[in-house]
Amino acid sequence: MSRRRGEFVNRVVRQVHHTGETCENESGASLLLAVIFVMVISVSLAALLTLGGNDLLNTTNLRVERSLEYAAGSATDAAIQSVRYSYYAYSGGSGDVPPGLCLPNSATSIAINGDAMTVYCSGIENPNSASSRVVTFFACEGTPASGCTSNNAVLQADVIFDDWSLSTPSVHACAAGNKATCGTSDKTLSWTIENANS
């Protein structure tokens, strides 16, 4: 019986030893962990590259949009100064010019940082008021065939010009033959970027 017990114990020890060797061999599990690690890193890297690419594209688009807005603002500023010291309200009324181009020196467009801009004006004239002329400026990219209106403007500005003398408030000398009091002051009522991103 002791012999049988010895054989039984030997058999159990061999099985435990044999099983122990199998459990210690983890080369397959290590390979599986390495593959999972590589996949996680690859997916994370792809996501980061996509975000980085989107950020670069957004930055470029923002620069183009900002450049166009700057060009529209600068062209409008030039037109405001040109209209301020003239006697035109761009109303099309008696002795006035009709709504249309209002850039300095009768220019049809002005280039600012490579963006060609056109500015049209339309207004009303009221020489009996401190708001002698109320002019709306429309700045468009390029030279639109149908003219520049609120429908296609990048920028729209409404400006009031006061053509009364500052030293003698009862004197209004802003007309075709006399521009002495034209544009003694101006006030911007609104300055709206319409569609710089289109």
C-alpha atoms as a PDB file:
ATOM      1  CA  MET A   1       0.000   0.000   0.000  1.00  0.00           C
ATOM      2  CA  SER A   2       2.801   2.342   0.658  1.00  0.00           C
ATOM      3  CA  ARG A   3       4.048   1.631  -2.791  1.00  0.00           C
ATOM      4  CA  ARG A   4       0.737   2.583  -4.276  1.00  0.00           C
ATOM      5  CA  ARG A   5       0.676   5.691  -2.212  1.00  0.00           C
ATOM      6  CA  GLY A   6       4.115   6.604  -3.448  1.00  0.00           C
ATOM      7  CA  GLU A   7       3.087   6.105  -7.075  1.00  0.00           C
ATOM      8  CA  PHE A   8      -0.027   8.183  -6.529  1.00  0.00           C
ATOM      9  CA  VAL A   9       1.952  11.000  -4.915  1.00  0.00           C
ATOM     10  CA  ASN A  10       4.489  10.862  -7.742  1.00  0.00           C
ATOM     11  CA  ARG A  11       1.715  11.065 -10.312  1.00  0.00           C
ATOM     12  CA  VAL A  12       0.105  14.075  -8.598  1.00  0.00           C
ATOM     13  CA  VAL A  13       3.466  15.827  -8.282  1.00  0.00           C
ATOM     14  CA  ARG A  14       4.168  15.223 -11.989  1.00  0.00           C
ATOM     15  CA  GLN A  15       0.764  16.592 -12.960  1.00  0.00           C
ATOM     16  CA  VAL A  16       1.188  19.667 -10.780  1.00  0.00           C
ATOM     17  CA  HIS A  17       4.696  20.189 -12.133  1.00  0.00           C
ATOM     18  CA  HIS A  18       3.458  19.694 -15.694  1.00  0.00           C
ATOM     19  CA  THR A  19       0.541  22.083 -15.163  1.00  0.00           C
ATOM     20  CA  GLY A  20       2.855  24.625 -13.539  1.00  0.00           C
ATOM     21  CA  GLU A  21       5.103  24.662 -16.617  1.00  0.00           C
ATOM     22  CA  THR A  22       2.134  25.392 -18.881  1.00  0.00           C
ATOM     23  CA  CYS A  23       0.946  28.290 -16.693  1.00  0.00           C
ATOM     24  CA  GLU A  24       4.388  29.876 -16.625  1.00  0.00           C
ATOM     25  CA  ASN A  25       4.611  29.998 -20.443  1.00  0.00           C
ATOM     26  CA  GLU A  26       2.894  33.400 -21.261  1.00  0.00           C
ATOM     27  CA  SER A  27       4.406  34.142 -24.666  1.00  0.00           C
ATOM     28  CA  GLY A  28       0.962  34.124 -26.363  1.00  0.00           C
ATOM     29  CA  ALA A  29      -0.530  36.517 -23.811  1.00  0.00           C
ATOM     30  CA  SER A  30       2.371  38.948 -24.227  1.00  0.00           C
ATOM     31  CA  LEU A  31       1.874  38.966 -27.979  1.00  0.00           C
ATOM     32  CA  LEU A  32      -1.839  39.652 -27.536  1.00  0.00           C
ATOM     33  CA  LEU A  33      -1.107  42.550 -25.165  1.00  0.00           C
ATOM     34  CA  ALA A  34       1.419  44.003 -27.621  1.00  0.00           C
ATOM     35  CA  VAL A  35      -1.112  43.871 -30.478  1.00  0.00           C
ATOM     36  CA  ILE A  36      -3.793  45.582 -28.339  1.00  0.00           C
ATOM     37  CA  PHE A  37      -1.301  48.265 -27.276  1.00  0.00           C
ATOM     38  CA  VAL A  38      -0.299  48.979 -30.898  1.00  0.00           C
ATOM     39  CA  MET A  39      -3.961  49.201 -31.954  1.00  0.00           C
ATOM     40  CA  VAL A  40      -4.837  51.647 -29.165  1.00  0.00           C
ATOM     41  CA  ILE A  41      -1.837  53.845 -30.002  1.00  0.00           C
ATOM     42  CA  SER A  42      -2.736  53.762 -33.733  1.00  0.00           C
ATOM     43  CA  VAL A  43      -6.339  54.798 -33.152  1.00  0.00           C
ATOM     44  CA  SER A  44      -5.259  57.577 -30.779  1.00  0.00           C
ATOM     45  CA  LEU A  45      -2.679  58.836 -33.271  1.00  0.00           C
ATOM     46  CA  ALA A  46      -5.213  58.833 -36.108  1.00  0.00           C
ATOM     47  CA  ALA A  47      -7.640  60.878 -33.986  1.00  0.00           C
ATOM     48  CA  LEU A  48      -4.914  63.393 -33.089  1.00  0.00           C
ATOM     49  CA  LEU A  49      -3.860  63.761 -36.732  1.00  0.00           C
ATOM     50  CA  THR A  50      -7.474  64.371 -37.775  1.00  0.00           C
ATOM     51  CA  LEU A  51      -7.899  67.065 -35.121  1.00  0.00           C
ATOM     52  CA  GLY A  52      -4.603  68.672 -36.100  1.00  0.00           C
ATOM     53  CA  GLY A  53      -5.597  68.699 -39.778  1.00  0.00           C
ATOM     54  CA  ASN A  54      -8.951  70.293 -38.956  1.00  0.00           C
ATOM     55  CA  ASP A  55      -7.234  72.964 -36.851  1.00  0.00           C
ATOM     56  CA  LEU A  56      -4.874  73.850 -39.714  1.00  0.00           C
ATOM     57  CA  LEU A  57      -7.785  74.115 -42.156  1.00  0.00           C
ATOM     58  CA  ASN A  58      -9.794  76.270 -39.725  1.00  0.00           C
ATOM     59  CA  THR A  59      -6.803  78.570 -39.197  1.00  0.00           C
ATOM     60  CA  THR A  60      -6.382  79.048 -42.948  1.00  0.00           C
ATOM     61  CA  ASN A  61     -10.090  79.751 -43.444  1.00  0.00           C
ATOM     62  CA  LEU A  62     -10.091  82.249 -40.578  1.00  0.00           C
ATOM     63  CA  ARG A  63      -7.102  84.107 -42.063  1.00  0.00           C
ATOM     64  CA  VAL A  64      -8.819  84.367 -45.458  1.00  0.00           C
ATOM     65  CA  GLU A  65     -12.064  85.563 -43.858  1.00  0.00           C
ATOM     66  CA  ARG A  66     -10.275  88.097 -41.660  1.00  0.00           C
ATOM     67  CA  SER A  67      -8.316  89.421 -44.649  1.00  0.00           C
ATOM     68  CA  LEU A  68     -11.566  89.946 -46.575  1.00  0.00           C
ATOM     69  CA  GLU A  69     -13.198  91.683 -43.601  1.00  0.00           C
ATOM     70  CA  TYR A  70     -10.154  93.941 -43.225  1.00  0.00           C
ATOM     71  CA  ALA A  71     -10.230  94.831 -46.936  1.00  0.00           C
ATOM     72  CA  ALA A  72     -13.964  95.622 -46.780  1.00  0.00           C
ATOM     73  CA  GLY A  73     -13.470  97.783 -43.686  1.00  0.00           C
ATOM     74  CA  SER A  74     -10.553  99.677 -45.202  1.00  0.00           C
ATOM     75  CA  ALA A  75     -12.378 100.300 -48.496  1.00  0.00           C
ATOM     76  CA  THR A  76     -15.432 101.525 -46.572  1.00  0.00           C
ATOM     77  CA  ASP A  77     -13.265 103.872 -44.487  1.00  0.00           C
ATOM     78  CA  ALA A  78     -11.808 105.337 -47.699  1.00  0.00           C
ATOM     79  CA  ALA A  79     -15.301 105.813 -49.152  1.00  0.00           C
ATOM     80  CA  ILE A  80     -16.582 107.442 -45.944  1.00  0.00           C
ATOM     81  CA  GLN A  81     -13.759 109.998 -46.031  1.00  0.00           C
ATOM     82  CA  SER A  82     -14.375 110.639 -49.729  1.00  0.00           C
ATOM     83  CA  VAL A  83     -18.106 111.235 -49.189  1.00  0.00           C
ATOM     84  CA  ARG A  84     -17.640 113.208 -45.971  1.00  0.00           C
ATOM     85  CA  TYR A  85     -15.958 116.202 -47.611  1.00  0.00           C
ATOM     86  CA  SER A  86     -18.107 116.146 -50.733  1.00  0.00           C
ATOM     87  CA  TYR A  87     -21.640 117.460 -50.904  1.00  0.00           C
ATOM     88  CA  TYR A  88     -23.098 114.212 -52.275  1.00  0.00           C
ATOM     89  CA  ALA A  89     -25.691 112.173 -50.407  1.00  0.00           C
ATOM     90  CA  TYR A  90     -26.106 109.626 -53.229  1.00  0.00           C
ATOM     91  CA  SER A  91     -29.862 110.102 -53.109  1.00  0.00           C
ATOM     92  CA  GLY A  92     -30.419 110.787 -56.814  1.00  0.00           C
ATOM     93  CA  GLY A  93     -32.292 113.954 -55.845  1.00  0.00           C
ATOM     94  CA  SER A  94     -32.023 117.399 -57.396  1.00  0.00           C
ATOM     95  CA  GLY A  95     -28.361 118.349 -57.803  1.00  0.00           C
ATOM     96  CA  ASP A  96     -27.220 115.045 -56.274  1.00  0.00           C
ATOM     97  CA  VAL A  97     -25.725 111.955 -57.808  1.00  0.00           C
ATOM     98  CA  PRO A  98     -27.695 108.696 -57.935  1.00  0.00           C
ATOM     99  CA  PRO A  99     -26.770 105.773 -55.695  1.00  0.00           C
ATOM    100  CA  GLY A 100     -23.583 104.150 -56.951  1.00  0.00           C
ATOM    101  CA  LEU A 101     -19.818 104.006 -56.658  1.00  0.00           C
ATOM    102  CA  CYS A 102     -18.364 106.283 -54.002  1.00  0.00           C
ATOM    103  CA  LEU A 103     -14.662 105.476 -53.722  1.00  0.00           C
ATOM    104  CA  PRO A 104     -12.099 108.325 -53.803  1.00  0.00           C
ATOM    105  CA  ASN A 105     -11.155 109.786 -57.192  1.00  0.00           C
ATOM    106  CA  SER A 106     -14.112 108.040 -58.892  1.00  0.00           C
ATOM    107  CA  ALA A 107     -12.336 104.689 -58.649  1.00  0.00           C
ATOM    108  CA  THR A 108     -14.408 101.627 -59.511  1.00  0.00           C
ATOM    109  CA  SER A 109     -12.560  99.399 -57.032  1.00  0.00           C
ATOM    110  CA  ILE A 110      -9.722  99.490 -54.555  1.00  0.00           C
ATOM    111  CA  ALA A 111      -7.234  96.674 -53.838  1.00  0.00           C
ATOM    112  CA  ILE A 112      -6.303  96.041 -50.222  1.00  0.00           C
ATOM    113  CA  ASN A 113      -3.909  93.186 -49.431  1.00  0.00           C
ATOM    114  CA  GLY A 114      -4.781  91.592 -52.763  1.00  0.00           C
ATOM    115  CA  ASP A 115      -8.563  91.770 -52.251  1.00  0.00           C
ATOM    116  CA  ALA A 116     -10.320  94.015 -54.787  1.00  0.00           C
ATOM    117  CA  MET A 117     -13.237  95.820 -53.137  1.00  0.00           C
ATOM    118  CA  THR A 118     -16.041  97.952 -54.548  1.00  0.00           C
ATOM    119  CA  VAL A 119     -18.045 100.379 -52.415  1.00  0.00           C
ATOM    120  CA  TYR A 120     -21.501 101.649 -53.363  1.00  0.00           C
ATOM    121  CA  CYS A 121     -23.404 104.391 -51.557  1.00  0.00           C
ATOM    122  CA  SER A 122     -27.050 105.196 -51.181  1.00  0.00           C
ATOM    123  CA  GLY A 123     -28.430 107.927 -48.981  1.00  0.00           C
ATOM    124  CA  ILE A 124     -30.886 110.629 -48.116  1.00  0.00           C
ATOM    125  CA  GLU A 125     -30.261 114.342 -47.876  1.00  0.00           C
ATOM    126  CA  ASN A 126     -31.832 116.644 -45.297  1.00  0.00           C
ATOM    127  CA  PRO A 127     -30.002 120.001 -45.230  1.00  0.00           C
ATOM    128  CA  ASN A 128     -32.335 121.383 -42.541  1.00  0.00           C
ATOM    129  CA  SER A 129     -31.210 118.812 -39.973  1.00  0.00           C
ATOM    130  CA  ALA A 130     -28.023 118.149 -38.019  1.00  0.00           C
ATOM    131  CA  SER A 131     -28.151 114.805 -39.826  1.00  0.00           C
ATOM    132  CA  SER A 132     -27.633 116.586 -43.146  1.00  0.00           C
ATOM    133  CA  ARG A 133     -26.805 113.409 -45.020  1.00  0.00           C
ATOM    134  CA  VAL A 134     -27.435 109.809 -43.993  1.00  0.00           C
ATOM    135  CA  VAL A 135     -25.483 107.504 -46.276  1.00  0.00           C
ATOM    136  CA  THR A 136     -25.388 103.707 -46.371  1.00  0.00           C
ATOM    137  CA  PHE A 137     -22.154 102.171 -47.635  1.00  0.00           C
ATOM    138  CA  PHE A 138     -22.048  98.679 -49.151  1.00  0.00           C
ATOM    139  CA  ALA A 139     -18.628  97.045 -49.628  1.00  0.00           C
ATOM    140  CA  CYS A 140     -18.440  94.061 -51.980  1.00  0.00           C
ATOM    141  CA  GLU A 141     -15.633  91.791 -53.090  1.00  0.00           C
ATOM    142  CA  GLY A 142     -14.651  92.416 -56.706  1.00  0.00           C
ATOM    143  CA  THR A 143     -17.004  94.354 -58.977  1.00  0.00           C
ATOM    144  CA  PRO A 144     -20.445  92.739 -58.945  1.00  0.00           C
ATOM    145  CA  ALA A 145     -22.268  93.002 -62.276  1.00  0.00           C
ATOM    146  CA  SER A 146     -25.559  93.842 -60.556  1.00  0.00           C
ATOM    147  CA  GLY A 147     -23.987  96.431 -58.280  1.00  0.00           C
ATOM    148  CA  CYS A 148     -23.238  96.186 -54.590  1.00  0.00           C
ATOM    149  CA  THR A 149     -26.279  95.966 -52.309  1.00  0.00           C
ATOM    150  CA  SER A 150     -27.199  94.506 -48.933  1.00  0.00           C
ATOM    151  CA  ASN A 151     -27.807  91.200 -50.744  1.00  0.00           C
ATOM    152  CA  ASN A 152     -24.162  90.711 -51.727  1.00  0.00           C
ATOM    153  CA  ALA A 153     -22.206  93.072 -49.448  1.00  0.00           C
ATOM    154  CA  VAL A 154     -19.401  91.895 -47.190  1.00  0.00           C
ATOM    155  CA  LEU A 155     -19.842  95.002 -45.051  1.00  0.00           C
ATOM    156  CA  GLN A 156     -22.665  97.499 -44.617  1.00  0.00           C
ATOM    157  CA  ALA A 157     -22.235 100.786 -42.740  1.00  0.00           C
ATOM    158  CA  ASP A 158     -24.719 103.573 -42.032  1.00  0.00           C
ATOM    159  CA  VAL A 159     -23.129 106.987 -41.449  1.00  0.00           C
ATOM    160  CA  ILE A 160     -24.592 110.395 -40.589  1.00  0.00           C
ATOM    161  CA  PHE A 161     -22.775 113.485 -41.865  1.00  0.00           C
ATOM    162  CA  ASP A 162     -23.387 116.861 -40.212  1.00  0.00           C
ATOM    163  CA  ASP A 163     -22.809 119.674 -42.701  1.00  0.00           C
ATOM    164  CA  TRP A 164     -23.473 122.621 -40.399  1.00  0.00           C
ATOM    165  CA  SER A 165     -20.713 124.999 -39.352  1.00  0.00           C
ATOM    166  CA  LEU A 166     -19.205 124.264 -35.951  1.00  0.00           C
ATOM    167  CA  SER A 167     -18.351 127.910 -35.268  1.00  0.00           C
ATOM    168  CA  THR A 168     -21.638 129.330 -36.558  1.00  0.00           C
ATOM    169  CA  PRO A 169     -24.329 126.668 -36.056  1.00  0.00           C
ATOM    170  CA  SER A 170     -26.828 128.476 -38.284  1.00  0.00           C
ATOM    171  CA  VAL A 171     -24.584 128.256 -41.368  1.00  0.00           C
ATOM    172  CA  HIS A 172     -25.066 125.371 -43.789  1.00  0.00           C
ATOM    173  CA  ALA A 173     -22.588 125.831 -46.634  1.00  0.00           C
ATOM    174  CA  CYS A 174     -22.387 122.406 -48.193  1.00  0.00           C
ATOM    175  CA  ALA A 175     -23.481 122.454 -51.825  1.00  0.00           C
ATOM    176  CA  ALA A 176     -22.116 122.009 -55.328  1.00  0.00           C
ATOM    177  CA  GLY A 177     -20.523 125.451 -55.408  1.00  0.00           C
ATOM    178  CA  ASN A 178     -19.449 125.643 -51.761  1.00  0.00           C
ATOM    179  CA  LYS A 179     -18.085 122.770 -49.661  1.00  0.00           C
ATOM    180  CA  ALA A 180     -17.002 124.930 -46.708  1.00  0.00           C
ATOM    181  CA  THR A 181     -19.031 123.070 -44.082  1.00  0.00           C
ATOM    182  CA  CYS A 182     -19.286 119.646 -45.726  1.00  0.00           C
ATOM    183  CA  GLY A 183     -18.564 116.895 -43.232  1.00  0.00           C
ATOM    184  CA  THR A 184     -17.873 118.993 -40.142  1.00  0.00           C
ATOM    185  CA  SER A 185     -18.649 115.805 -38.245  1.00  0.00           C
ATOM    186  CA  ASP A 186     -19.736 112.261 -38.895  1.00  0.00           C
ATOM    187  CA  LYS A 187     -21.205 109.487 -36.812  1.00  0.00           C
ATOM    188  CA  THR A 188     -21.280 105.798 -37.647  1.00  0.00           C
ATOM    189  CA  LEU A 189     -24.706 104.401 -36.800  1.00  0.00           C
ATOM    190  CA  SER A 190     -23.965 100.795 -37.733  1.00  0.00           C
ATOM    191  CA  TRP A 191     -21.063  98.715 -39.008  1.00  0.00           C
ATOM    192  CA  THR A 192     -22.150  95.207 -39.959  1.00  0.00           C
ATOM    193  CA  ILE A 193     -20.145  92.381 -41.456  1.00  0.00           C
ATOM    194  CA  GLU A 194     -22.674  90.636 -43.671  1.00  0.00           C
ATOM    195  CA  ASN A 195     -21.191  87.515 -45.225  1.00  0.00           C
ATOM    196  CA  ALA A 196     -17.409  87.465 -45.264  1.00  0.00           C
ATOM    197  CA  ASN A 197     -17.379  83.666 -45.101  1.00  0.00           C
ATOM    198  CA  SER A 198     -19.383  83.006 -48.265  1.00  0.00           C
END
